[in-house]
C-alpha cells in the first residue's frame, strides 16, 4: 500500500469526485488526490464529500459514542463548524 508522510495506508476507495478516500493504520479515514497529496488528514472516523464544493468535507471525529460531526475546510486545514 501507499504511504503519505508518516501514515501507512491500509485500504482505499474512489469517491464520487474521483478523489481517493483512504483508511490508514490508525484506523481512521482521510482523502488524497490522484497525485497522492493529502487533502484531508487521516484522523477522522468518517469523511464525506460535500456536493458542489471541492474544499469542504463532512467529518466525524472523537469516536462513535462521544464524537461529533463537523465541517473540515481543506483551505485552512481546520474544522470550521
PDB file of N, CA and C in Angstrom:
ATOM      1  N   UNK A   1       0.825  -1.191   0.000  1.00  0.00           N
ATOM      2  CA  UNK A   1       0.000   0.000   0.000  1.00  0.00           C
ATOM      3  C   UNK A   1       0.867   1.251   0.000  1.00  0.00           C
ATOM      4  N   UNK A   2       0.266   2.372  -0.365  1.00  0.00           N
ATOM      5  CA  UNK A   2       0.958   3.654  -0.439  1.00  0.00           C
ATOM      6  C   UNK A   2       1.213   4.237   0.949  1.00  0.00           C
ATOM      7  N   UNK A   3       2.150   5.142   1.012  1.00  0.00           N
ATOM      8  CA  UNK A   3       2.424   5.867   2.250  1.00  0.00           C
ATOM      9  C   UNK A   3       2.276   7.352   2.002  1.00  0.00           C
ATOM     10  N   UNK A   4       1.758   8.087   2.957  1.00  0.00           N
ATOM     11  CA  UNK A   4       1.766   9.540   2.927  1.00  0.00           C
ATOM     12  C   UNK A   4       2.455   9.989   4.195  1.00  0.00           C
ATOM     13  N   UNK A   5       3.404  10.867   4.068  1.00  0.00           N
ATOM     14  CA  UNK A   5       4.130  11.399   5.210  1.00  0.00           C
ATOM     15  C   UNK A   5       4.456  10.283   6.194  1.00  0.00           C
ATOM     16  N   UNK A   6       3.737  10.204   7.315  1.00  0.00           N
ATOM     17  CA  UNK A   6       4.013   9.205   8.345  1.00  0.00           C
ATOM     18  C   UNK A   6       2.916   8.152   8.444  1.00  0.00           C
ATOM     19  N   UNK A   7       2.021   8.103   7.468  1.00  0.00           N
ATOM     20  CA  UNK A   7       0.842   7.247   7.561  1.00  0.00           C
ATOM     21  C   UNK A   7       0.942   6.060   6.621  1.00  0.00           C
ATOM     22  N   UNK A   8       0.689   4.881   7.125  1.00  0.00           N
ATOM     23  CA  UNK A   8       0.601   3.676   6.311  1.00  0.00           C
ATOM     24  C   UNK A   8      -0.847   3.511   5.859  1.00  0.00           C
ATOM     25  N   UNK A   9      -1.067   3.530   4.559  1.00  0.00           N
ATOM     26  CA  UNK A   9      -2.416   3.377   4.019  1.00  0.00           C
ATOM     27  C   UNK A   9      -2.741   1.895   3.909  1.00  0.00           C
ATOM     28  N   UNK A  10      -3.872   1.500   4.503  1.00  0.00           N
ATOM     29  CA  UNK A  10      -4.278   0.103   4.509  1.00  0.00           C
ATOM     30  C   UNK A  10      -5.329  -0.222   3.449  1.00  0.00           C
ATOM     31  N   UNK A  11      -6.165   0.746   3.097  1.00  0.00           N
ATOM     32  CA  UNK A  11      -7.237   0.483   2.148  1.00  0.00           C
ATOM     33  C   UNK A  11      -7.643   1.807   1.506  1.00  0.00           C
ATOM     34  N   UNK A  12      -8.131   1.754   0.280  1.00  0.00           N
ATOM     35  CA  UNK A  12      -8.587   2.960  -0.408  1.00  0.00           C
ATOM     36  C   UNK A  12      -9.874   2.684  -1.166  1.00  0.00           C
ATOM     37  N   UNK A  13     -10.604   3.746  -1.458  1.00  0.00           N
ATOM     38  CA  UNK A  13     -11.756   3.674  -2.354  1.00  0.00           C
ATOM     39  C   UNK A  13     -11.890   5.028  -3.035  1.00  0.00           C
ATOM     40  N   UNK A  14     -12.386   5.032  -4.255  1.00  0.00           N
ATOM     41  CA  UNK A  14     -12.535   6.249  -5.039  1.00  0.00           C
ATOM     42  C   UNK A  14     -13.869   6.908  -4.695  1.00  0.00           C
ATOM     43  N   UNK A  15     -13.834   8.219  -4.436  1.00  0.00           N
ATOM     44  CA  UNK A  15     -15.049   8.961  -4.120  1.00  0.00           C
ATOM     45  C   UNK A  15     -15.769   9.345  -5.405  1.00  0.00           C
ATOM     46  N   UNK A  16     -16.960   9.906  -5.276  1.00  0.00           N
ATOM     47  CA  UNK A  16     -17.736  10.333  -6.439  1.00  0.00           C
ATOM     48  C   UNK A  16     -17.002  11.402  -7.243  1.00  0.00           C
ATOM     49  N   UNK A  17     -16.200  12.215  -6.581  1.00  0.00           N
ATOM     50  CA  UNK A  17     -15.464  13.294  -7.240  1.00  0.00           C
ATOM     51  C   UNK A  17     -14.145  12.808  -7.842  1.00  0.00           C
ATOM     52  N   UNK A  18     -13.842  11.523  -7.713  1.00  0.00           N
ATOM     53  CA  UNK A  18     -12.619  10.973  -8.286  1.00  0.00           C
ATOM     54  C   UNK A  18     -11.402  11.084  -7.386  1.00  0.00           C
ATOM     55  N   UNK A  19     -11.613  11.493  -6.143  1.00  0.00           N
ATOM     56  CA  UNK A  19     -10.514  11.536  -5.186  1.00  0.00           C
ATOM     57  C   UNK A  19     -10.457  10.188  -4.481  1.00  0.00           C
ATOM     58  N   UNK A  20      -9.381   9.935  -3.795  1.00  0.00           N
ATOM     59  CA  UNK A  20      -9.211   8.659  -3.140  1.00  0.00           C
ATOM     60  C   UNK A  20      -9.379   8.812  -1.634  1.00  0.00           C
ATOM     61  N   UNK A  21     -10.345   8.091  -1.092  1.00  0.00           N
ATOM     62  CA  UNK A  21     -10.536   8.075   0.345  1.00  0.00           C
ATOM     63  C   UNK A  21      -9.693   6.933   0.877  1.00  0.00           C
ATOM     64  N   UNK A  22      -8.954   7.168   1.957  1.00  0.00           N
ATOM     65  CA  UNK A  22      -8.095   6.102   2.448  1.00  0.00           C
ATOM     66  C   UNK A  22      -8.272   5.848   3.930  1.00  0.00           C
ATOM     67  N   UNK A  23      -8.044   4.596   4.285  1.00  0.00           N
ATOM     68  CA  UNK A  23      -8.118   4.126   5.661  1.00  0.00           C
ATOM     69  C   UNK A  23      -6.704   3.782   6.063  1.00  0.00           C
ATOM     70  N   UNK A  24      -6.244   4.324   7.164  1.00  0.00           N
ATOM     71  CA  UNK A  24      -4.829   4.159   7.499  1.00  0.00           C
ATOM     72  C   UNK A  24      -4.622   3.368   8.781  1.00  0.00           C
ATOM     73  N   UNK A  25      -3.367   3.246   9.146  1.00  0.00           N
ATOM     74  CA  UNK A  25      -3.001   2.370  10.251  1.00  0.00           C
ATOM     75  C   UNK A  25      -3.553   2.797  11.603  1.00  0.00           C
ATOM     76  N   UNK A  26      -4.003   4.038  11.741  1.00  0.00           N
ATOM     77  CA  UNK A  26      -4.638   4.438  12.997  1.00  0.00           C
ATOM     78  C   UNK A  26      -6.146   4.175  12.967  1.00  0.00           C
ATOM     79  N   UNK A  27      -6.600   3.439  11.959  1.00  0.00           N
ATOM     80  CA  UNK A  27      -7.990   3.025  11.784  1.00  0.00           C
ATOM     81  C   UNK A  27      -8.936   4.204  11.626  1.00  0.00           C
ATOM     82  N   UNK A  28      -8.471   5.231  10.929  1.00  0.00           N
ATOM     83  CA  UNK A  28      -9.301   6.377  10.609  1.00  0.00           C
ATOM     84  C   UNK A  28      -9.174   6.696   9.125  1.00  0.00           C
ATOM     85  N   UNK A  29      -9.984   7.666   8.656  1.00  0.00           N
ATOM     86  CA  UNK A  29     -10.069   7.983   7.240  1.00  0.00           C
ATOM     87  C   UNK A  29      -9.507   9.361   6.919  1.00  0.00           C
ATOM     88  N   UNK A  30      -9.043   9.517   5.682  1.00  0.00           N
ATOM     89  CA  UNK A  30      -8.588  10.784   5.139  1.00  0.00           C
ATOM     90  C   UNK A  30      -8.831  10.782   3.640  1.00  0.00           C
ATOM     91  N   UNK A  31      -8.417  11.851   2.948  1.00  0.00           N
ATOM     92  CA  UNK A  31      -8.585  11.969   1.498  1.00  0.00           C
ATOM     93  C   UNK A  31      -7.253  12.363   0.876  1.00  0.00           C
ATOM     94  N   UNK A  32      -6.896  11.680  -0.225  1.00  0.00           N
ATOM     95  CA  UNK A  32      -5.744  12.073  -1.031  1.00  0.00           C
ATOM     96  C   UNK A  32      -6.216  12.283  -2.461  1.00  0.00           C
ATOM     97  N   UNK A  33      -5.493  13.118  -3.224  1.00  0.00           N
ATOM     98  CA  UNK A  33      -5.858  13.308  -4.626  1.00  0.00           C
ATOM     99  C   UNK A  33      -5.124  12.293  -5.492  1.00  0.00           C
ATOM    100  N   UNK A  34      -5.293  12.387  -6.791  1.00  0.00           N
ATOM    101  CA  UNK A  34      -4.700  11.406  -7.709  1.00  0.00           C
ATOM    102  C   UNK A  34      -3.180  11.400  -7.673  1.00  0.00           C
ATOM    103  N   UNK A  35      -2.580  12.519  -7.272  1.00  0.00           N
ATOM    104  CA  UNK A  35      -1.112  12.580  -7.170  1.00  0.00           C
ATOM    105  C   UNK A  35      -0.625  12.160  -5.782  1.00  0.00           C
ATOM    106  N   UNK A  36      -1.538  11.646  -4.955  1.00  0.00           N
ATOM    107  CA  UNK A  36      -1.282  11.160  -3.599  1.00  0.00           C
ATOM    108  C   UNK A  36      -0.981  12.270  -2.602  1.00  0.00           C
ATOM    109  N   UNK A  37      -1.357  13.509  -2.936  1.00  0.00           N
ATOM    110  CA  UNK A  37      -1.238  14.627  -1.994  1.00  0.00           C
ATOM    111  C   UNK A  37      -2.393  14.537  -0.999  1.00  0.00           C
ATOM    112  N   UNK A  38      -2.075  14.644   0.276  1.00  0.00           N
ATOM    113  CA  UNK A  38      -3.107  14.569   1.311  1.00  0.00           C
ATOM    114  C   UNK A  38      -3.956  15.833   1.289  1.00  0.00           C
ATOM    115  N   UNK A  39      -5.268  15.656   1.160  1.00  0.00           N
ATOM    116  CA  UNK A  39      -6.224  16.765   1.149  1.00  0.00           C
ATOM    117  C   UNK A  39      -6.874  16.899   2.519  1.00  0.00           C
ATOM    118  N   UNK A  40      -7.303  15.778   3.073  1.00  0.00           N
ATOM    119  CA  UNK A  40      -7.883  15.718   4.417  1.00  0.00           C
ATOM    120  C   UNK A  40      -7.027  14.746   5.214  1.00  0.00           C
ATOM    121  N   UNK A  41      -6.501  15.167   6.371  1.00  0.00           N
ATOM    122  CA  UNK A  41      -5.636  14.275   7.148  1.00  0.00           C
ATOM    123  C   UNK A  41      -6.372  13.032   7.641  1.00  0.00           C
ATOM    124  N   UNK A  42      -5.636  11.975   7.802  1.00  0.00           N
ATOM    125  CA  UNK A  42      -6.197  10.698   8.237  1.00  0.00           C
ATOM    126  C   UNK A  42      -6.386  10.705   9.751  1.00  0.00           C
ATOM    127  N   UNK A  43      -7.446  11.388  10.184  1.00  0.00           N
ATOM    128  CA  UNK A  43      -7.716  11.481  11.614  1.00  0.00           C
ATOM    129  C   UNK A  43      -9.201  11.398  11.955  1.00  0.00           C
ATOM    130  N   UNK A  44     -10.031  11.084  10.959  1.00  0.00           N
ATOM    131  CA  UNK A  44     -11.475  11.109  11.157  1.00  0.00           C
ATOM    132  C   UNK A  44     -12.092   9.719  11.107  1.00  0.00           C
ATOM    133  N   UNK A  45     -13.164   9.533  11.888  1.00  0.00           N
ATOM    134  CA  UNK A  45     -13.891   8.267  11.900  1.00  0.00           C
ATOM    135  C   UNK A  45     -14.706   8.086  10.614  1.00  0.00           C
ATOM    136  N   UNK A  46     -15.167   9.192  10.040  1.00  0.00           N
ATOM    137  CA  UNK A  46     -15.895   9.194   8.771  1.00  0.00           C
ATOM    138  C   UNK A  46     -15.515  10.459   8.010  1.00  0.00           C
ATOM    139  N   UNK A  47     -15.507  10.388   6.684  1.00  0.00           N
ATOM    140  CA  UNK A  47     -15.255  11.552   5.828  1.00  0.00           C
ATOM    141  C   UNK A  47     -16.192  11.459   4.629  1.00  0.00           C
ATOM    142  N   UNK A  48     -16.958  12.521   4.385  1.00  0.00           N
ATOM    143  CA  UNK A  48     -17.871  12.570   3.243  1.00  0.00           C
ATOM    144  C   UNK A  48     -17.656  13.872   2.483  1.00  0.00           C
ATOM    145  N   UNK A  49     -17.629  13.779   1.170  1.00  0.00           N
ATOM    146  CA  UNK A  49     -17.536  14.981   0.346  1.00  0.00           C
ATOM    147  C   UNK A  49     -18.862  15.736   0.404  1.00  0.00           C
ATOM    148  N   UNK A  50     -18.778  17.047   0.423  1.00  0.00           N
ATOM    149  CA  UNK A  50     -19.971  17.886   0.358  1.00  0.00           C
ATOM    150  C   UNK A  50     -20.160  18.273  -1.106  1.00  0.00           C
ATOM    151  N   UNK A  51     -21.338  18.018  -1.627  1.00  0.00           N
ATOM    152  CA  UNK A  51     -21.612  18.277  -3.046  1.00  0.00           C
ATOM    153  C   UNK A  51     -21.396  19.733  -3.416  1.00  0.00           C
ATOM    154  N   UNK A  52     -20.985  19.951  -4.647  1.00  0.00           N
ATOM    155  CA  UNK A  52     -20.800  21.281  -5.236  1.00  0.00           C
ATOM    156  C   UNK A  52     -19.701  22.108  -4.573  1.00  0.00           C
ATOM    157  N   UNK A  53     -18.767  21.455  -3.924  1.00  0.00           N
ATOM    158  CA  UNK A  53     -17.598  22.141  -3.378  1.00  0.00           C
ATOM    159  C   UNK A  53     -16.411  21.203  -3.483  1.00  0.00           C
ATOM    160  N   UNK A  54     -15.234  21.747  -3.684  1.00  0.00           N
ATOM    161  CA  UNK A  54     -14.045  20.895  -3.734  1.00  0.00           C
ATOM    162  C   UNK A  54     -13.151  21.112  -2.522  1.00  0.00           C
ATOM    163  N   UNK A  55     -13.636  21.860  -1.532  1.00  0.00           N
ATOM    164  CA  UNK A  55     -12.790  22.126  -0.369  1.00  0.00           C
ATOM    165  C   UNK A  55     -13.419  21.789   0.979  1.00  0.00           C
ATOM    166  N   UNK A  56     -14.709  21.480   1.026  1.00  0.00           N
ATOM    167  CA  UNK A  56     -15.372  21.201   2.301  1.00  0.00           C
ATOM    168  C   UNK A  56     -15.764  19.727   2.393  1.00  0.00           C
ATOM    169  N   UNK A  57     -15.542  19.157   3.571  1.00  0.00           N
ATOM    170  CA  UNK A  57     -15.872  17.755   3.840  1.00  0.00           C
ATOM    171  C   UNK A  57     -16.626  17.654   5.154  1.00  0.00           C
ATOM    172  N   UNK A  58     -17.615  16.781   5.188  1.00  0.00           N
ATOM    173  CA  UNK A  58     -18.377  16.470   6.391  1.00  0.00           C
ATOM    174  C   UNK A  58     -17.631  15.347   7.095  1.00  0.00           C
ATOM    175  N   UNK A  59     -17.221  15.560   8.333  1.00  0.00           N
ATOM    176  CA  UNK A  59     -16.387  14.588   9.037  1.00  0.00           C
ATOM    177  C   UNK A  59     -16.963  14.247  10.405  1.00  0.00           C
ATOM    178  N   UNK A  60     -16.573  13.095  10.919  1.00  0.00           N
ATOM    179  CA  UNK A  60     -16.885  12.695  12.290  1.00  0.00           C
ATOM    180  C   UNK A  60     -15.559  12.423  12.969  1.00  0.00           C
ATOM    181  N   UNK A  61     -15.385  12.998  14.157  1.00  0.00           N
ATOM    182  CA  UNK A  61     -14.167  12.722  14.912  1.00  0.00           C
ATOM    183  C   UNK A  61     -14.479  12.576  16.391  1.00  0.00           C
ATOM    184  N   UNK A  62     -13.628  11.858  17.088  1.00  0.00           N
ATOM    185  CA  UNK A  62     -13.791  11.692  18.524  1.00  0.00           C
ATOM    186  C   UNK A  62     -14.429  10.388  18.946  1.00  0.00           C
ATOM    187  N   UNK A  63     -14.623   9.473  18.012  1.00  0.00           N
ATOM    188  CA  UNK A  63     -15.201   8.175  18.354  1.00  0.00           C
ATOM    189  C   UNK A  63     -16.690   8.118  18.099  1.00  0.00           C
ATOM    190  N   UNK A  64     -17.200   6.911  18.063  1.00  0.00           N
ATOM    191  CA  UNK A  64     -18.611   6.710  17.712  1.00  0.00           C
ATOM    192  C   UNK A  64     -19.551   7.119  18.829  1.00  0.00           C
ATOM    193  N   UNK A  65     -19.197   6.874  20.065  1.00  0.00           N
ATOM    194  CA  UNK A  65     -20.105   7.188  21.171  1.00  0.00           C
ATOM    195  C   UNK A  65     -20.019   8.644  21.615  1.00  0.00           C
ATOM    196  N   UNK A  66     -18.820   9.205  21.676  1.00  0.00           N
ATOM    197  CA  UNK A  66     -18.645  10.551  22.197  1.00  0.00           C
ATOM    198  C   UNK A  66     -18.189  11.557  21.149  1.00  0.00           C
ATOM    199  N   UNK A  67     -18.145  11.139  19.903  1.00  0.00           N
ATOM    200  CA  UNK A  67     -17.658  12.005  18.835  1.00  0.00           C
ATOM    201  C   UNK A  67     -18.685  13.013  18.371  1.00  0.00           C
ATOM    202  N   UNK A  68     -18.289  13.801  17.388  1.00  0.00           N
ATOM    203  CA  UNK A  68     -19.188  14.809  16.835  1.00  0.00           C
ATOM    204  C   UNK A  68     -18.923  14.980  15.340  1.00  0.00           C
ATOM    205  N   UNK A  69     -19.944  15.465  14.653  1.00  0.00           N
ATOM    206  CA  UNK A  69     -19.826  15.767  13.236  1.00  0.00           C
ATOM    207  C   UNK A  69     -19.414  17.220  13.074  1.00  0.00           C
ATOM    208  N   UNK A  70     -18.658  17.493  12.012  1.00  0.00           N
ATOM    209  CA  UNK A  70     -18.158  18.839  11.769  1.00  0.00           C
ATOM    210  C   UNK A  70     -17.899  19.016  10.277  1.00  0.00           C
ATOM    211  N   UNK A  71     -17.577  20.251   9.890  1.00  0.00           N
ATOM    212  CA  UNK A  71     -17.182  20.570   8.526  1.00  0.00           C
ATOM    213  C   UNK A  71     -15.683  20.855   8.536  1.00  0.00           C
ATOM    214  N   UNK A  72     -14.940  20.153   7.667  1.00  0.00           N
ATOM    215  CA  UNK A  72     -13.499  20.345   7.552  1.00  0.00           C
ATOM    216  C   UNK A  72     -13.217  21.145   6.282  1.00  0.00           C
ATOM    217  N   UNK A  73     -12.434  22.229   6.403  1.00  0.00           N
ATOM    218  CA  UNK A  73     -12.075  23.094   5.279  1.00  0.00           C
ATOM    219  C   UNK A  73     -10.654  22.755   4.842  1.00  0.00           C
ATOM    220  N   UNK A  74     -10.505  22.326   3.584  1.00  0.00           N
ATOM    221  CA  UNK A  74      -9.171  21.939   3.111  1.00  0.00           C
ATOM    222  C   UNK A  74      -8.275  23.146   2.859  1.00  0.00           C
ATOM    223  N   UNK A  75      -8.856  24.337   2.685  1.00  0.00           N
ATOM    224  CA  UNK A  75      -8.033  25.535   2.504  1.00  0.00           C
ATOM    225  C   UNK A  75      -7.292  25.900   3.797  1.00  0.00           C
ATOM    226  N   UNK A  76      -8.008  25.851   4.907  1.00  0.00           N
ATOM    227  CA  UNK A  76      -7.408  26.211   6.199  1.00  0.00           C
ATOM    228  C   UNK A  76      -6.861  24.987   6.936  1.00  0.00           C
ATOM    229  N   UNK A  77      -7.209  23.781   6.465  1.00  0.00           N
ATOM    230  CA  UNK A  77      -6.848  22.523   7.120  1.00  0.00           C
ATOM    231  C   UNK A  77      -7.323  22.494   8.562  1.00  0.00           C
ATOM    232  N   UNK A  78      -8.587  22.940   8.748  1.00  0.00           N
ATOM    233  CA  UNK A  78      -9.133  23.034  10.094  1.00  0.00           C
ATOM    234  C   UNK A  78     -10.651  22.817  10.058  1.00  0.00           C
ATOM    235  N   UNK A  79     -11.194  22.511  11.228  1.00  0.00           N
ATOM    236  CA  UNK A  79     -12.635  22.397  11.413  1.00  0.00           C
ATOM    237  C   UNK A  79     -13.209  23.813  11.423  1.00  0.00           C
ATOM    238  N   UNK A  80     -14.273  24.047  10.648  1.00  0.00           N
ATOM    239  CA  UNK A  80     -14.862  25.383  10.624  1.00  0.00           C
ATOM    240  C   UNK A  80     -16.254  25.426  11.221  1.00  0.00           C
ATOM    241  N   UNK A  81     -16.870  24.294  11.457  1.00  0.00           N
ATOM    242  CA  UNK A  81     -18.209  24.262  12.023  1.00  0.00           C
ATOM    243  C   UNK A  81     -18.426  22.961  12.741  1.00  0.00           C
TER     244      UNK A  81
END
